[in-house]
Amino acid sequence: MNKNQGFSLIELVLSLVILATGAVGILSIVAQSSQRSLTPLFTQQAQAIAQGYLSEILAKPVNDPNQTEQGLISSEAGETRSTYDDVQDYYQLSEAPHDALGQAILDLANYQVNVDIIQDSFGFPAVTALRVDITVSHNSDLNAQVTLSSYRNNF
């Protein structure tokens, strides 16, 4: 009895095709899970950015201290982030993250900050309050977006 030991060429090619198919499937799962593992990081960073903006805005007075007559919500022409002195100056602000002095934070350039100010009276004409909505999103495909809202009223 003279039996040859080993694999034939067909068996070897077939086993390589099966292994390659399995490896491609596993690698695609690993790539997808590693990409999704960044979403909590982006969301947490977006929340910290939104909280920073919200704290900055709510520390300002509701009305411009330089004006005696108060009108509708609007930002003032010619003002920059470093000269914002009231909540209404942030109306429809849309930018990459900046500090309170208006300096860009380059490490956070992949985020977008949108601020909306909405006037609300809660159904009472004598009450004037502003709802501040901060939406921060990441520029990636991961849809990491955070919205924080708070009210600021004129005491």
C-alpha atoms as a PDB file:
ATOM      1  CA  MET A   1       0.000   0.000   0.000  1.00  0.00           C
ATOM      2  CA  ASN A   2       1.518   3.184  -1.203  1.00  0.00           C
ATOM      3  CA  LYS A   3      -0.681   6.109  -0.234  1.00  0.00           C
ATOM      4  CA  ASN A   4       0.489   9.653  -0.808  1.00  0.00           C
ATOM      5  CA  GLN A   5       0.211  11.854   2.194  1.00  0.00           C
ATOM      6  CA  GLY A   6      -0.822  15.559   1.900  1.00  0.00           C
ATOM      7  CA  PHE A   7      -3.347  17.738   0.120  1.00  0.00           C
ATOM      8  CA  SER A   8      -4.156  18.030  -3.503  1.00  0.00           C
ATOM      9  CA  LEU A   9      -3.946  21.381  -5.249  1.00  0.00           C
ATOM     10  CA  ILE A  10      -7.746  21.610  -5.464  1.00  0.00           C
ATOM     11  CA  GLU A  11      -8.139  21.037  -1.727  1.00  0.00           C
ATOM     12  CA  LEU A  12      -5.506  23.672  -0.970  1.00  0.00           C
ATOM     13  CA  VAL A  13      -7.121  26.325  -3.226  1.00  0.00           C
ATOM     14  CA  LEU A  14     -10.574  25.599  -1.835  1.00  0.00           C
ATOM     15  CA  SER A  15      -9.396  25.941   1.770  1.00  0.00           C
ATOM     16  CA  LEU A  16      -7.652  29.253   0.935  1.00  0.00           C
ATOM     17  CA  VAL A  17     -10.858  30.619  -0.628  1.00  0.00           C
ATOM     18  CA  ILE A  18     -12.864  29.651   2.470  1.00  0.00           C
ATOM     19  CA  LEU A  19     -10.292  31.235   4.813  1.00  0.00           C
ATOM     20  CA  ALA A  20     -10.120  34.429   2.731  1.00  0.00           C
ATOM     21  CA  THR A  21     -13.913  34.777   2.727  1.00  0.00           C
ATOM     22  CA  GLY A  22     -14.000  34.386   6.512  1.00  0.00           C
ATOM     23  CA  ALA A  23     -11.158  36.871   6.988  1.00  0.00           C
ATOM     24  CA  VAL A  24     -12.929  39.501   4.861  1.00  0.00           C
ATOM     25  CA  GLY A  25     -16.104  39.083   6.910  1.00  0.00           C
ATOM     26  CA  ILE A  26     -14.263  39.369  10.217  1.00  0.00           C
ATOM     27  CA  LEU A  27     -12.244  42.402   9.069  1.00  0.00           C
ATOM     28  CA  SER A  28     -15.374  44.229   7.923  1.00  0.00           C
ATOM     29  CA  ILE A  29     -16.985  43.641  11.330  1.00  0.00           C
ATOM     30  CA  VAL A  30     -13.859  44.868  13.132  1.00  0.00           C
ATOM     31  CA  ALA A  31     -13.663  47.982  10.935  1.00  0.00           C
ATOM     32  CA  GLN A  32     -17.340  48.783  11.476  1.00  0.00           C
ATOM     33  CA  SER A  33     -17.161  48.315  15.244  1.00  0.00           C
ATOM     34  CA  SER A  34     -13.999  50.420  15.570  1.00  0.00           C
ATOM     35  CA  GLN A  35     -15.649  53.227  13.616  1.00  0.00           C
ATOM     36  CA  ARG A  36     -18.760  53.083  15.806  1.00  0.00           C
ATOM     37  CA  SER A  37     -16.685  53.018  18.977  1.00  0.00           C
ATOM     38  CA  LEU A  38     -15.761  56.660  18.316  1.00  0.00           C
ATOM     39  CA  THR A  39     -19.389  57.823  18.443  1.00  0.00           C
ATOM     40  CA  PRO A  40     -19.511  58.020  22.284  1.00  0.00           C
ATOM     41  CA  LEU A  41     -16.260  60.005  22.259  1.00  0.00           C
ATOM     42  CA  PHE A  42     -17.614  62.485  19.709  1.00  0.00           C
ATOM     43  CA  THR A  43     -20.919  62.742  21.590  1.00  0.00           C
ATOM     44  CA  GLN A  44     -19.196  63.391  24.922  1.00  0.00           C
ATOM     45  CA  GLN A  45     -16.942  66.039  23.368  1.00  0.00           C
ATOM     46  CA  ALA A  46     -19.953  67.682  21.681  1.00  0.00           C
ATOM     47  CA  GLN A  47     -21.769  67.760  25.020  1.00  0.00           C
ATOM     48  CA  ALA A  48     -18.797  69.461  26.690  1.00  0.00           C
ATOM     49  CA  ILE A  49     -18.647  72.060  23.903  1.00  0.00           C
ATOM     50  CA  ALA A  50     -22.402  72.728  24.150  1.00  0.00           C
ATOM     51  CA  GLN A  51     -22.183  73.071  27.949  1.00  0.00           C
ATOM     52  CA  GLY A  52     -19.335  75.566  27.580  1.00  0.00           C
ATOM     53  CA  TYR A  53     -21.311  77.706  25.138  1.00  0.00           C
ATOM     54  CA  LEU A  54     -24.445  77.485  27.285  1.00  0.00           C
ATOM     55  CA  SER A  55     -22.543  78.584  30.404  1.00  0.00           C
ATOM     56  CA  GLU A  56     -20.969  81.472  28.516  1.00  0.00           C
ATOM     57  CA  ILE A  57     -24.278  82.682  27.081  1.00  0.00           C
ATOM     58  CA  LEU A  58     -26.312  82.342  30.283  1.00  0.00           C
ATOM     59  CA  ALA A  59     -23.737  84.423  32.160  1.00  0.00           C
ATOM     60  CA  LYS A  60     -24.620  87.429  29.961  1.00  0.00           C
ATOM     61  CA  PRO A  61     -27.577  89.761  30.606  1.00  0.00           C
ATOM     62  CA  VAL A  62     -30.724  89.277  28.518  1.00  0.00           C
ATOM     63  CA  ASN A  63     -30.742  92.802  27.102  1.00  0.00           C
ATOM     64  CA  ASP A  64     -27.884  94.882  25.768  1.00  0.00           C
ATOM     65  CA  PRO A  65     -26.559  97.043  28.618  1.00  0.00           C
ATOM     66  CA  ASN A  66     -25.677  99.794  26.106  1.00  0.00           C
ATOM     67  CA  GLN A  67     -29.250 100.233  24.799  1.00  0.00           C
ATOM     68  CA  THR A  68     -32.169 101.793  26.624  1.00  0.00           C
ATOM     69  CA  GLU A  69     -34.855 100.539  24.215  1.00  0.00           C
ATOM     70  CA  GLN A  70     -35.129  96.786  23.776  1.00  0.00           C
ATOM     71  CA  GLY A  71     -36.573  95.286  20.619  1.00  0.00           C
ATOM     72  CA  LEU A  72     -36.794  91.932  18.945  1.00  0.00           C
ATOM     73  CA  ILE A  73     -34.113  89.332  19.279  1.00  0.00           C
ATOM     74  CA  SER A  74     -31.199  90.122  17.002  1.00  0.00           C
ATOM     75  CA  SER A  75     -27.456  90.269  16.982  1.00  0.00           C
ATOM     76  CA  GLU A  76     -25.912  93.699  16.668  1.00  0.00           C
ATOM     77  CA  ALA A  77     -24.170  94.661  13.441  1.00  0.00           C
ATOM     78  CA  GLY A  78     -20.419  94.902  13.669  1.00  0.00           C
ATOM     79  CA  GLU A  79     -20.061  92.922  16.875  1.00  0.00           C
ATOM     80  CA  THR A  80     -17.680  90.012  17.145  1.00  0.00           C
ATOM     81  CA  ARG A  81     -17.538  87.171  19.650  1.00  0.00           C
ATOM     82  CA  SER A  82     -15.104  89.128  21.824  1.00  0.00           C
ATOM     83  CA  THR A  83     -17.572  92.046  22.137  1.00  0.00           C
ATOM     84  CA  TYR A  84     -20.786  90.056  22.750  1.00  0.00           C
ATOM     85  CA  ASP A  85     -22.275  91.592  25.884  1.00  0.00           C
ATOM     86  CA  ASP A  86     -25.782  90.104  26.024  1.00  0.00           C
ATOM     87  CA  VAL A  87     -27.650  86.871  25.273  1.00  0.00           C
ATOM     88  CA  GLN A  88     -29.247  88.249  22.118  1.00  0.00           C
ATOM     89  CA  ASP A  89     -25.846  88.796  20.473  1.00  0.00           C
ATOM     90  CA  TYR A  90     -25.551  85.020  20.053  1.00  0.00           C
ATOM     91  CA  TYR A  91     -28.729  84.856  17.932  1.00  0.00           C
ATOM     92  CA  GLN A  92     -28.189  82.468  14.985  1.00  0.00           C
ATOM     93  CA  LEU A  93     -24.485  82.046  15.715  1.00  0.00           C
ATOM     94  CA  SER A  94     -23.014  79.265  13.587  1.00  0.00           C
ATOM     95  CA  GLU A  95     -19.313  78.498  13.826  1.00  0.00           C
ATOM     96  CA  ALA A  96     -16.624  76.000  14.629  1.00  0.00           C
ATOM     97  CA  PRO A  97     -15.868  76.105  18.371  1.00  0.00           C
ATOM     98  CA  HIS A  98     -14.289  79.334  19.620  1.00  0.00           C
ATOM     99  CA  ASP A  99     -13.407  80.473  23.110  1.00  0.00           C
ATOM    100  CA  ALA A 100     -15.168  83.423  24.776  1.00  0.00           C
ATOM    101  CA  LEU A 101     -12.631  85.831  23.250  1.00  0.00           C
ATOM    102  CA  GLY A 102     -13.417  84.663  19.731  1.00  0.00           C
ATOM    103  CA  GLN A 103     -10.244  82.621  19.224  1.00  0.00           C
ATOM    104  CA  ALA A 104     -10.760  79.434  17.200  1.00  0.00           C
ATOM    105  CA  ILE A 105     -10.032  76.175  19.006  1.00  0.00           C
ATOM    106  CA  LEU A 106      -8.174  74.318  16.276  1.00  0.00           C
ATOM    107  CA  ASP A 107      -8.350  70.893  17.953  1.00  0.00           C
ATOM    108  CA  LEU A 108     -12.160  71.074  17.747  1.00  0.00           C
ATOM    109  CA  ALA A 109     -12.379  72.216  14.115  1.00  0.00           C
ATOM    110  CA  ASN A 110     -14.383  69.087  13.165  1.00  0.00           C
ATOM    111  CA  TYR A 111     -17.332  70.265  15.262  1.00  0.00           C
ATOM    112  CA  GLN A 112     -20.037  72.752  14.293  1.00  0.00           C
ATOM    113  CA  VAL A 113     -21.852  74.905  16.875  1.00  0.00           C
ATOM    114  CA  ASN A 114     -25.272  76.419  16.139  1.00  0.00           C
ATOM    115  CA  VAL A 115     -27.006  78.743  18.584  1.00  0.00           C
ATOM    116  CA  ASP A 116     -30.658  79.698  18.424  1.00  0.00           C
ATOM    117  CA  ILE A 117     -32.408  82.173  20.720  1.00  0.00           C
ATOM    118  CA  ILE A 118     -36.206  81.997  20.973  1.00  0.00           C
ATOM    119  CA  GLN A 119     -38.393  84.424  22.913  1.00  0.00           C
ATOM    120  CA  ASP A 120     -40.973  82.778  25.191  1.00  0.00           C
ATOM    121  CA  SER A 121     -43.491  84.217  27.634  1.00  0.00           C
ATOM    122  CA  PHE A 122     -44.830  80.908  28.998  1.00  0.00           C
ATOM    123  CA  GLY A 123     -48.349  82.217  28.292  1.00  0.00           C
ATOM    124  CA  PHE A 124     -47.902  85.271  30.540  1.00  0.00           C
ATOM    125  CA  PRO A 125     -47.498  88.564  28.655  1.00  0.00           C
ATOM    126  CA  ALA A 126     -45.529  90.155  31.504  1.00  0.00           C
ATOM    127  CA  VAL A 127     -42.894  87.389  31.486  1.00  0.00           C
ATOM    128  CA  THR A 128     -40.050  87.712  29.032  1.00  0.00           C
ATOM    129  CA  ALA A 129     -37.700  84.771  28.790  1.00  0.00           C
ATOM    130  CA  LEU A 130     -35.267  83.609  26.157  1.00  0.00           C
ATOM    131  CA  ARG A 131     -34.749  79.947  25.362  1.00  0.00           C
ATOM    132  CA  VAL A 132     -31.185  79.264  24.346  1.00  0.00           C
ATOM    133  CA  ASP A 133     -30.686  76.174  22.162  1.00  0.00           C
ATOM    134  CA  ILE A 134     -27.128  75.005  21.510  1.00  0.00           C
ATOM    135  CA  THR A 135     -26.641  72.270  18.908  1.00  0.00           C
ATOM    136  CA  VAL A 136     -23.170  70.796  18.441  1.00  0.00           C
ATOM    137  CA  SER A 137     -22.472  68.212  15.766  1.00  0.00           C
ATOM    138  CA  HIS A 138     -19.395  66.415  14.483  1.00  0.00           C
ATOM    139  CA  ASN A 139     -18.542  66.683  10.792  1.00  0.00           C
ATOM    140  CA  SER A 140     -18.087  62.922  10.416  1.00  0.00           C
ATOM    141  CA  ASP A 141     -20.622  60.406   9.142  1.00  0.00           C
ATOM    142  CA  LEU A 142     -21.315  59.188  12.663  1.00  0.00           C
ATOM    143  CA  ASN A 143     -24.122  61.686  13.353  1.00  0.00           C
ATOM    144  CA  ALA A 144     -22.797  62.561  16.789  1.00  0.00           C
ATOM    145  CA  GLN A 145     -25.060  65.506  17.634  1.00  0.00           C
ATOM    146  CA  VAL A 146     -26.006  67.050  20.970  1.00  0.00           C
ATOM    147  CA  THR A 147     -28.597  69.746  21.718  1.00  0.00           C
ATOM    148  CA  LEU A 148     -28.759  71.530  25.069  1.00  0.00           C
ATOM    149  CA  SER A 149     -31.445  74.059  25.961  1.00  0.00           C
ATOM    150  CA  SER A 150     -31.949  76.424  28.845  1.00  0.00           C
ATOM    151  CA  TYR A 151     -33.946  79.527  29.682  1.00  0.00           C
ATOM    152  CA  ARG A 152     -32.642  82.946  30.605  1.00  0.00           C
ATOM    153  CA  ASN A 153     -35.122  85.514  31.840  1.00  0.00           C
ATOM    154  CA  ASN A 154     -34.856  89.206  32.578  1.00  0.00           C
ATOM    155  CA  PHE A 155     -34.993  89.662  36.343  1.00  0.00           C
END
